[in-house]
Amino acid sequence: MKTNYCECLLWGALLLAGCSDDNPGVAEEEDPGEHACEHAGEAGAALEAAADPADAVELVLGEEPVTVTFPAEGAGYHGYVRLRGPADALLFAGAEAVISSLTSADGGRELLPEAAPNELCPDAIPEHFDLELEDAEYLLELGPATVDSVWLMLLDASGHAHSS
């Protein structure tokens, strides 16, 4: 089989284009922390937390923020939302010390990891949590707090890396 000079040039160019970082056919994955910072000023969808864990609505993994309002309890505010796995997710919060626990919906052990600020915009997002959720339902407890709502984003963790 004979190959002419033009065919060799064409194949060489195609191979080089496939190895290039500037390949327009391949979209780069945005870091979830950066994505959350871009949306930190937006209220997003409204979600009502429940006073009773049995009535908790689901906070869905997505690309948009939500503002969760929770009911008054005594001198503060307190409520529950439901999460569903499986998911490797990041939960971003627009206020500190509002998220108090994460447990499996069947009353299992405490699963909330230690909070850390979003290193890309710590003033706008003072807390985020790296969550590894198995195939189950979970209860996220909000409060007791002195505020009646909190900005949250629950994003897929793909592309997220911590700086050392």
N, C-alpha and C. Protein backbone atom coordinates (compact mmCIF):
# COMPACT_ATOMS: atom_id res chain seq x y z
N MET A 1 0.85 -1.18 0.00
CA MET A 1 0.00 0.00 0.00
C MET A 1 0.89 1.23 0.00
N LYS A 2 0.61 2.12 -0.93
CA LYS A 2 1.40 3.33 -1.10
C LYS A 2 0.69 4.51 -0.45
N THR A 3 1.43 5.33 0.28
CA THR A 3 0.87 6.53 0.88
C THR A 3 1.58 7.72 0.27
N ASN A 4 0.79 8.72 -0.14
CA ASN A 4 1.45 9.87 -0.74
C ASN A 4 1.80 10.92 0.31
N TYR A 5 2.59 11.87 -0.07
CA TYR A 5 3.11 12.90 0.81
C TYR A 5 1.99 13.71 1.46
N CYS A 6 0.94 14.04 0.74
CA CYS A 6 -0.18 14.84 1.27
C CYS A 6 -0.94 14.08 2.36
N GLU A 7 -1.12 12.77 2.16
CA GLU A 7 -1.79 11.97 3.18
C GLU A 7 -0.97 11.96 4.48
N CYS A 8 0.35 11.83 4.35
CA CYS A 8 1.21 11.84 5.54
C CYS A 8 1.11 13.17 6.28
N LEU A 9 1.10 14.27 5.55
CA LEU A 9 0.97 15.58 6.17
C LEU A 9 -0.38 15.72 6.88
N LEU A 10 -1.45 15.25 6.25
CA LEU A 10 -2.78 15.34 6.82
C LEU A 10 -2.85 14.53 8.12
N TRP A 11 -2.37 13.30 8.10
CA TRP A 11 -2.40 12.47 9.30
C TRP A 11 -1.52 13.05 10.40
N GLY A 12 -0.39 13.59 10.04
CA GLY A 12 0.49 14.22 11.03
C GLY A 12 -0.17 15.42 11.68
N ALA A 13 -0.84 16.22 10.87
CA ALA A 13 -1.55 17.40 11.41
C ALA A 13 -2.68 16.99 12.34
N LEU A 14 -3.41 15.95 11.97
CA LEU A 14 -4.50 15.47 12.81
C LEU A 14 -3.98 14.94 14.14
N LEU A 15 -2.88 14.20 14.11
CA LEU A 15 -2.29 13.70 15.34
C LEU A 15 -1.82 14.83 16.24
N LEU A 16 -1.19 15.83 15.68
CA LEU A 16 -0.74 16.98 16.46
C LEU A 16 -1.91 17.76 17.04
N ALA A 17 -2.97 17.92 16.29
CA ALA A 17 -4.16 18.63 16.78
C ALA A 17 -4.77 17.88 17.96
N GLY A 18 -4.77 16.58 17.92
CA GLY A 18 -5.31 15.78 19.02
C GLY A 18 -4.47 15.88 20.28
N CYS A 19 -3.18 16.20 20.16
CA CYS A 19 -2.30 16.31 21.31
C CYS A 19 -2.25 17.72 21.87
N SER A 20 -2.82 18.67 21.20
CA SER A 20 -2.74 20.07 21.60
C SER A 20 -3.64 20.37 22.78
N ASP A 21 -3.18 21.28 23.67
CA ASP A 21 -4.01 21.77 24.77
C ASP A 21 -5.06 22.75 24.28
N ASP A 22 -4.90 23.22 23.06
CA ASP A 22 -5.83 24.19 22.50
C ASP A 22 -6.92 23.52 21.68
N ASN A 23 -7.14 22.25 21.88
CA ASN A 23 -8.13 21.52 21.11
C ASN A 23 -9.53 22.05 21.45
N PRO A 24 -10.18 22.72 20.49
CA PRO A 24 -11.48 23.32 20.78
C PRO A 24 -12.59 22.30 21.00
N GLY A 25 -12.39 21.06 20.62
CA GLY A 25 -13.42 20.05 20.78
C GLY A 25 -13.49 19.47 22.18
N VAL A 26 -12.52 19.81 23.05
CA VAL A 26 -12.48 19.27 24.39
C VAL A 26 -12.72 20.39 25.40
N ALA A 27 -13.80 20.31 26.13
CA ALA A 27 -14.12 21.33 27.13
C ALA A 27 -13.37 21.06 28.43
N GLU A 28 -12.81 22.12 29.02
CA GLU A 28 -12.13 21.96 30.30
C GLU A 28 -13.16 21.97 31.41
N GLU A 29 -12.92 21.17 32.44
CA GLU A 29 -13.83 21.06 33.56
C GLU A 29 -13.56 22.21 34.53
N GLU A 30 -14.61 22.93 34.91
CA GLU A 30 -14.47 24.04 35.85
C GLU A 30 -14.40 23.51 37.28
N ASP A 31 -13.51 24.09 38.07
CA ASP A 31 -13.41 23.72 39.48
C ASP A 31 -14.71 24.10 40.18
N PRO A 32 -15.32 23.19 40.95
CA PRO A 32 -16.56 23.51 41.66
C PRO A 32 -16.42 24.69 42.61
N GLY A 33 -15.26 24.85 43.24
CA GLY A 33 -15.04 25.99 44.13
C GLY A 33 -15.12 27.31 43.38
N GLU A 34 -14.56 27.33 42.19
CA GLU A 34 -14.63 28.52 41.33
C GLU A 34 -16.07 28.77 40.89
N HIS A 35 -16.76 27.70 40.52
CA HIS A 35 -18.16 27.80 40.10
C HIS A 35 -19.01 28.38 41.24
N ALA A 36 -18.80 27.91 42.46
CA ALA A 36 -19.55 28.42 43.60
C ALA A 36 -19.28 29.90 43.82
N CYS A 37 -18.02 30.32 43.68
CA CYS A 37 -17.68 31.74 43.84
C CYS A 37 -18.41 32.60 42.82
N GLU A 38 -18.53 32.11 41.59
CA GLU A 38 -19.22 32.86 40.54
C GLU A 38 -20.69 33.09 40.88
N HIS A 39 -21.29 32.20 41.67
CA HIS A 39 -22.71 32.29 42.01
C HIS A 39 -22.97 32.80 43.44
N ALA A 40 -21.91 33.17 44.14
CA ALA A 40 -22.05 33.53 45.56
C ALA A 40 -22.98 34.72 45.79
N GLY A 41 -23.11 35.63 44.87
CA GLY A 41 -23.98 36.79 45.04
C GLY A 41 -25.43 36.55 44.65
N GLU A 42 -25.74 35.37 44.13
CA GLU A 42 -27.09 35.06 43.66
C GLU A 42 -27.88 34.34 44.75
N ALA A 43 -29.14 34.70 44.89
CA ALA A 43 -29.99 34.04 45.89
C ALA A 43 -30.34 32.62 45.45
N GLY A 44 -30.52 32.41 44.16
CA GLY A 44 -30.89 31.09 43.65
C GLY A 44 -32.32 30.74 44.00
N ALA A 45 -32.64 29.48 43.90
CA ALA A 45 -33.98 28.99 44.20
C ALA A 45 -34.24 29.04 45.70
N ALA A 46 -35.50 29.15 46.07
CA ALA A 46 -35.88 29.14 47.48
C ALA A 46 -36.24 27.73 47.91
N LEU A 47 -35.80 27.36 49.11
CA LEU A 47 -36.09 26.05 49.66
C LEU A 47 -36.45 26.24 51.13
N GLU A 48 -37.52 25.61 51.57
CA GLU A 48 -37.96 25.70 52.97
C GLU A 48 -37.49 24.46 53.72
N ALA A 49 -36.67 24.66 54.73
CA ALA A 49 -36.28 23.55 55.61
C ALA A 49 -37.46 23.19 56.50
N ALA A 50 -37.50 21.95 56.93
CA ALA A 50 -38.60 21.47 57.77
C ALA A 50 -38.21 21.49 59.24
N ALA A 51 -39.19 21.76 60.10
CA ALA A 51 -38.95 21.71 61.54
C ALA A 51 -38.82 20.26 62.01
N ASP A 52 -39.50 19.36 61.31
CA ASP A 52 -39.48 17.93 61.66
C ASP A 52 -38.66 17.18 60.60
N PRO A 53 -37.67 16.40 60.99
CA PRO A 53 -36.85 15.66 60.02
C PRO A 53 -37.68 14.81 59.05
N ALA A 54 -38.81 14.27 59.50
CA ALA A 54 -39.65 13.43 58.64
C ALA A 54 -40.25 14.21 57.47
N ASP A 55 -40.34 15.54 57.60
CA ASP A 55 -40.93 16.37 56.55
C ASP A 55 -39.88 17.06 55.68
N ALA A 56 -38.61 16.74 55.87
CA ALA A 56 -37.53 17.43 55.17
C ALA A 56 -37.62 17.25 53.65
N VAL A 57 -37.43 18.35 52.92
CA VAL A 57 -37.39 18.33 51.46
C VAL A 57 -35.95 18.11 51.02
N GLU A 58 -35.78 17.73 49.76
CA GLU A 58 -34.45 17.38 49.27
C GLU A 58 -33.70 18.57 48.70
N LEU A 59 -32.45 18.72 49.11
CA LEU A 59 -31.51 19.65 48.50
C LEU A 59 -30.81 18.83 47.42
N VAL A 60 -31.03 19.20 46.16
CA VAL A 60 -30.58 18.40 45.03
C VAL A 60 -29.21 18.85 44.55
N LEU A 61 -28.37 17.88 44.22
CA LEU A 61 -27.08 18.13 43.59
C LEU A 61 -27.34 18.86 42.28
N GLY A 62 -26.72 20.00 42.06
CA GLY A 62 -26.97 20.76 40.84
C GLY A 62 -25.91 21.81 40.59
N GLU A 63 -26.23 22.74 39.71
CA GLU A 63 -25.29 23.77 39.29
C GLU A 63 -25.66 25.15 39.81
N GLU A 64 -26.80 25.26 40.50
CA GLU A 64 -27.29 26.56 40.94
C GLU A 64 -27.40 26.61 42.45
N PRO A 65 -27.26 27.82 43.03
CA PRO A 65 -27.41 27.95 44.48
C PRO A 65 -28.87 27.91 44.91
N VAL A 66 -29.07 27.72 46.19
CA VAL A 66 -30.40 27.81 46.79
C VAL A 66 -30.27 28.63 48.07
N THR A 67 -31.34 29.29 48.42
CA THR A 67 -31.42 29.95 49.72
C THR A 67 -32.41 29.16 50.54
N VAL A 68 -31.89 28.55 51.61
CA VAL A 68 -32.72 27.71 52.47
C VAL A 68 -33.16 28.54 53.66
N THR A 69 -34.47 28.62 53.85
CA THR A 69 -35.06 29.31 54.99
C THR A 69 -35.50 28.25 55.99
N PHE A 70 -35.21 28.48 57.27
CA PHE A 70 -35.61 27.49 58.26
C PHE A 70 -36.48 28.14 59.34
N PRO A 71 -37.34 27.33 59.95
CA PRO A 71 -38.34 27.85 60.89
C PRO A 71 -37.75 28.32 62.21
N ALA A 72 -38.50 29.21 62.84
CA ALA A 72 -38.11 29.70 64.16
C ALA A 72 -38.25 28.59 65.19
N GLU A 73 -37.29 28.57 66.11
CA GLU A 73 -37.33 27.62 67.23
C GLU A 73 -36.74 28.31 68.43
N GLY A 74 -37.59 28.62 69.40
CA GLY A 74 -37.11 29.35 70.58
C GLY A 74 -36.62 30.72 70.18
N ALA A 75 -35.41 31.07 70.59
CA ALA A 75 -34.84 32.37 70.28
C ALA A 75 -34.07 32.37 68.96
N GLY A 76 -34.03 31.23 68.25
CA GLY A 76 -33.27 31.14 67.01
C GLY A 76 -34.04 30.45 65.91
N TYR A 77 -33.30 29.83 65.00
CA TYR A 77 -33.88 29.16 63.83
C TYR A 77 -33.23 27.79 63.68
N HIS A 78 -34.02 26.82 63.20
CA HIS A 78 -33.53 25.44 63.14
C HIS A 78 -34.37 24.67 62.13
N GLY A 79 -33.73 23.81 61.33
CA GLY A 79 -34.49 23.01 60.38
C GLY A 79 -33.65 21.91 59.75
N TYR A 80 -34.31 21.14 58.87
CA TYR A 80 -33.68 19.98 58.23
C TYR A 80 -33.97 19.99 56.73
N VAL A 81 -32.99 19.55 55.95
CA VAL A 81 -33.18 19.22 54.54
C VAL A 81 -32.60 17.84 54.32
N ARG A 82 -33.02 17.21 53.25
CA ARG A 82 -32.61 15.86 52.92
C ARG A 82 -31.60 15.90 51.77
N LEU A 83 -30.59 15.04 51.83
CA LEU A 83 -29.64 14.83 50.73
C LEU A 83 -29.77 13.38 50.30
N ARG A 84 -29.39 13.09 49.06
CA ARG A 84 -29.49 11.73 48.55
C ARG A 84 -28.17 11.36 47.86
N GLY A 85 -27.69 10.16 48.16
CA GLY A 85 -26.49 9.63 47.52
C GLY A 85 -26.87 8.58 46.52
N PRO A 86 -25.96 8.04 45.78
CA PRO A 86 -24.53 8.20 45.95
C PRO A 86 -24.03 9.48 45.26
N ALA A 87 -23.04 10.09 45.88
CA ALA A 87 -22.43 11.29 45.30
C ALA A 87 -21.15 11.63 46.04
N ASP A 88 -20.17 12.06 45.28
CA ASP A 88 -19.01 12.75 45.84
C ASP A 88 -19.32 14.21 45.57
N ALA A 89 -19.62 14.94 46.62
CA ALA A 89 -20.15 16.29 46.46
C ALA A 89 -19.43 17.28 47.36
N LEU A 90 -19.61 18.54 47.02
CA LEU A 90 -19.14 19.64 47.85
C LEU A 90 -20.35 20.46 48.24
N LEU A 91 -20.48 20.72 49.51
CA LEU A 91 -21.56 21.55 50.02
C LEU A 91 -20.94 22.88 50.44
N PHE A 92 -21.35 23.95 49.78
CA PHE A 92 -20.85 25.29 50.07
C PHE A 92 -21.91 26.05 50.87
N ALA A 93 -21.48 26.80 51.88
CA ALA A 93 -22.40 27.57 52.72
C ALA A 93 -21.95 29.02 52.79
N GLY A 94 -22.91 29.92 52.67
CA GLY A 94 -22.63 31.35 52.71
C GLY A 94 -22.55 31.93 54.10
N ALA A 95 -22.60 31.11 55.13
CA ALA A 95 -22.49 31.56 56.51
C ALA A 95 -21.80 30.49 57.33
N GLU A 96 -21.09 30.92 58.36
CA GLU A 96 -20.41 29.98 59.25
C GLU A 96 -21.34 29.46 60.33
N ALA A 97 -21.08 28.24 60.76
CA ALA A 97 -21.73 27.63 61.92
C ALA A 97 -23.25 27.54 61.80
N VAL A 98 -23.75 27.40 60.58
CA VAL A 98 -25.19 27.21 60.38
C VAL A 98 -25.49 25.74 60.15
N ILE A 99 -24.60 25.03 59.46
CA ILE A 99 -24.77 23.60 59.23
C ILE A 99 -24.22 22.88 60.46
N SER A 100 -25.10 22.14 61.15
CA SER A 100 -24.66 21.55 62.41
C SER A 100 -24.43 20.05 62.37
N SER A 101 -25.11 19.31 61.46
CA SER A 101 -24.85 17.88 61.40
C SER A 101 -25.34 17.28 60.08
N LEU A 102 -24.79 16.13 59.78
CA LEU A 102 -25.21 15.32 58.64
C LEU A 102 -25.26 13.87 59.14
N THR A 103 -26.43 13.27 59.07
CA THR A 103 -26.59 11.88 59.52
C THR A 103 -27.36 11.11 58.45
N SER A 104 -27.23 9.80 58.46
CA SER A 104 -28.07 9.02 57.56
C SER A 104 -29.51 9.18 58.04
N ALA A 105 -30.45 9.16 57.11
CA ALA A 105 -31.85 9.42 57.42
C ALA A 105 -32.43 8.41 58.40
N ASP A 106 -31.83 7.23 58.49
CA ASP A 106 -32.33 6.23 59.43
C ASP A 106 -31.77 6.41 60.84
N GLY A 107 -31.17 7.57 61.10
CA GLY A 107 -30.67 7.87 62.45
C GLY A 107 -29.26 7.38 62.70
N GLY A 108 -28.49 7.21 61.66
CA GLY A 108 -27.12 6.71 61.78
C GLY A 108 -26.16 7.70 62.41
N ARG A 109 -24.90 7.39 62.29
CA ARG A 109 -23.85 8.17 62.92
C ARG A 109 -23.64 9.52 62.23
N GLU A 110 -22.95 10.41 62.93
CA GLU A 110 -22.61 11.74 62.41
C GLU A 110 -21.61 11.59 61.26
N LEU A 111 -21.92 12.24 60.13
CA LEU A 111 -21.08 12.11 58.94
C LEU A 111 -20.52 13.43 58.43
N LEU A 112 -20.79 14.52 59.13
CA LEU A 112 -20.35 15.83 58.66
C LEU A 112 -18.86 16.00 58.89
N PRO A 113 -18.10 16.19 57.80
CA PRO A 113 -16.66 16.40 57.97
C PRO A 113 -16.40 17.82 58.49
N GLU A 114 -15.16 18.09 58.79
CA GLU A 114 -14.78 19.41 59.26
C GLU A 114 -14.95 20.44 58.14
N ALA A 115 -15.43 21.61 58.50
CA ALA A 115 -15.64 22.68 57.53
C ALA A 115 -14.33 23.41 57.25
N ALA A 116 -14.26 23.95 56.04
CA ALA A 116 -13.15 24.81 55.64
C ALA A 116 -13.71 25.88 54.71
N PRO A 117 -13.11 27.06 54.69
CA PRO A 117 -13.60 28.08 53.76
C PRO A 117 -13.28 27.69 52.32
N ASN A 118 -14.05 28.21 51.39
CA ASN A 118 -13.72 28.05 49.99
C ASN A 118 -12.48 28.91 49.75
N GLU A 119 -11.35 28.30 49.49
CA GLU A 119 -10.09 29.02 49.38
C GLU A 119 -10.08 30.05 48.24
N LEU A 120 -11.02 29.96 47.32
CA LEU A 120 -11.07 30.89 46.20
C LEU A 120 -11.87 32.16 46.52
N CYS A 121 -12.77 32.10 47.50
CA CYS A 121 -13.55 33.28 47.91
C CYS A 121 -14.02 33.09 49.35
N PRO A 122 -13.09 33.07 50.31
CA PRO A 122 -13.42 32.76 51.69
C PRO A 122 -14.38 33.75 52.36
N ASP A 123 -14.40 35.00 51.93
CA ASP A 123 -15.33 35.96 52.52
C ASP A 123 -16.76 35.70 52.09
N ALA A 124 -16.96 35.30 50.84
CA ALA A 124 -18.30 35.02 50.31
C ALA A 124 -18.79 33.64 50.73
N ILE A 125 -17.88 32.67 50.80
CA ILE A 125 -18.25 31.28 51.15
C ILE A 125 -17.31 30.82 52.26
N PRO A 126 -17.68 31.13 53.51
CA PRO A 126 -16.79 30.82 54.63
C PRO A 126 -16.72 29.35 55.03
N GLU A 127 -17.64 28.53 54.50
CA GLU A 127 -17.58 27.10 54.81
C GLU A 127 -17.92 26.26 53.59
N HIS A 128 -17.18 25.16 53.47
CA HIS A 128 -17.56 24.10 52.53
C HIS A 128 -17.19 22.76 53.16
N PHE A 129 -17.91 21.75 52.71
CA PHE A 129 -17.74 20.40 53.24
C PHE A 129 -17.57 19.44 52.08
N ASP A 130 -16.58 18.56 52.17
CA ASP A 130 -16.38 17.50 51.19
C ASP A 130 -17.21 16.30 51.65
N LEU A 131 -18.21 15.92 50.85
CA LEU A 131 -19.12 14.84 51.23
C LEU A 131 -18.96 13.63 50.33
N GLU A 132 -18.84 12.48 50.93
CA GLU A 132 -18.84 11.20 50.21
C GLU A 132 -20.09 10.46 50.64
N LEU A 133 -21.14 10.59 49.84
CA LEU A 133 -22.44 10.02 50.20
C LEU A 133 -22.63 8.68 49.51
N GLU A 134 -22.92 7.66 50.31
CA GLU A 134 -23.23 6.35 49.76
C GLU A 134 -24.66 6.36 49.24
N ASP A 135 -25.10 5.27 48.66
CA ASP A 135 -26.45 5.17 48.10
C ASP A 135 -27.46 5.08 49.24
N ALA A 136 -27.86 6.24 49.76
CA ALA A 136 -28.78 6.32 50.89
C ALA A 136 -29.33 7.73 50.97
N GLU A 137 -30.24 7.95 51.92
CA GLU A 137 -30.75 9.29 52.21
C GLU A 137 -30.09 9.80 53.48
N TYR A 138 -29.93 11.13 53.54
CA TYR A 138 -29.25 11.78 54.65
C TYR A 138 -30.06 12.97 55.12
N LEU A 139 -29.89 13.33 56.39
CA LEU A 139 -30.50 14.53 56.95
C LEU A 139 -29.40 15.54 57.26
N LEU A 140 -29.56 16.73 56.72
CA LEU A 140 -28.66 17.83 56.98
C LEU A 140 -29.38 18.76 57.95
N GLU A 141 -28.78 18.95 59.12
CA GLU A 141 -29.39 19.81 60.14
C GLU A 141 -28.81 21.21 60.04
N LEU A 142 -29.69 22.19 60.04
CA LEU A 142 -29.31 23.60 59.97
C LEU A 142 -29.71 24.27 61.28
N GLY A 143 -28.74 24.88 61.94
CA GLY A 143 -29.01 25.55 63.19
C GLY A 143 -28.86 24.60 64.37
N PRO A 144 -29.20 25.07 65.53
CA PRO A 144 -29.82 26.35 65.81
C PRO A 144 -28.88 27.51 65.44
N ALA A 145 -29.49 28.56 64.89
CA ALA A 145 -28.74 29.71 64.40
C ALA A 145 -29.50 30.99 64.71
N THR A 146 -28.80 32.09 64.61
CA THR A 146 -29.42 33.40 64.82
C THR A 146 -29.96 33.98 63.53
N VAL A 147 -29.67 33.34 62.40
CA VAL A 147 -30.19 33.77 61.10
C VAL A 147 -31.28 32.80 60.65
N ASP A 148 -32.20 33.28 59.82
CA ASP A 148 -33.33 32.43 59.41
C ASP A 148 -33.14 31.80 58.04
N SER A 149 -32.00 32.07 57.38
CA SER A 149 -31.76 31.46 56.08
C SER A 149 -30.26 31.39 55.82
N VAL A 150 -29.92 30.53 54.86
CA VAL A 150 -28.52 30.38 54.48
C VAL A 150 -28.45 30.07 52.98
N TRP A 151 -27.42 30.61 52.34
CA TRP A 151 -27.12 30.34 50.93
C TRP A 151 -26.34 29.04 50.88
N LEU A 152 -26.79 28.08 50.04
CA LEU A 152 -26.10 26.80 49.89
C LEU A 152 -25.95 26.45 48.42
N MET A 153 -24.90 25.71 48.12
CA MET A 153 -24.72 25.07 46.81
C MET A 153 -24.21 23.67 47.06
N LEU A 154 -24.84 22.69 46.42
CA LEU A 154 -24.42 21.30 46.49
C LEU A 154 -23.99 20.90 45.09
N LEU A 155 -22.66 20.76 44.90
CA LEU A 155 -22.08 20.49 43.59
C LEU A 155 -21.35 19.17 43.56
N ASP A 156 -21.27 18.59 42.36
CA ASP A 156 -20.46 17.41 42.14
C ASP A 156 -18.99 17.81 42.40
N ALA A 157 -18.24 16.97 43.06
CA ALA A 157 -16.86 17.28 43.44
C ALA A 157 -15.85 17.13 42.31
N SER A 158 -16.24 16.67 41.14
CA SER A 158 -15.31 16.47 40.03
C SER A 158 -14.55 17.75 39.73
N GLY A 159 -13.25 17.61 39.58
CA GLY A 159 -12.42 18.76 39.23
C GLY A 159 -11.98 19.58 40.42
N HIS A 160 -12.37 19.20 41.63
CA HIS A 160 -12.01 19.99 42.81
C HIS A 160 -10.74 19.44 43.43
N ALA A 161 -9.81 20.36 43.68
CA ALA A 161 -8.56 19.97 44.34
C ALA A 161 -8.22 21.04 45.36
N HIS A 162 -7.73 20.62 46.51
CA HIS A 162 -7.32 21.57 47.55
C HIS A 162 -5.87 21.94 47.32
N SER A 163 -5.55 23.22 47.55
CA SER A 163 -4.15 23.63 47.48
C SER A 163 -3.50 23.30 48.81
N SER A 164 -2.20 22.98 48.74
CA SER A 164 -1.53 22.63 49.99
C SER A 164 -0.75 23.76 50.56
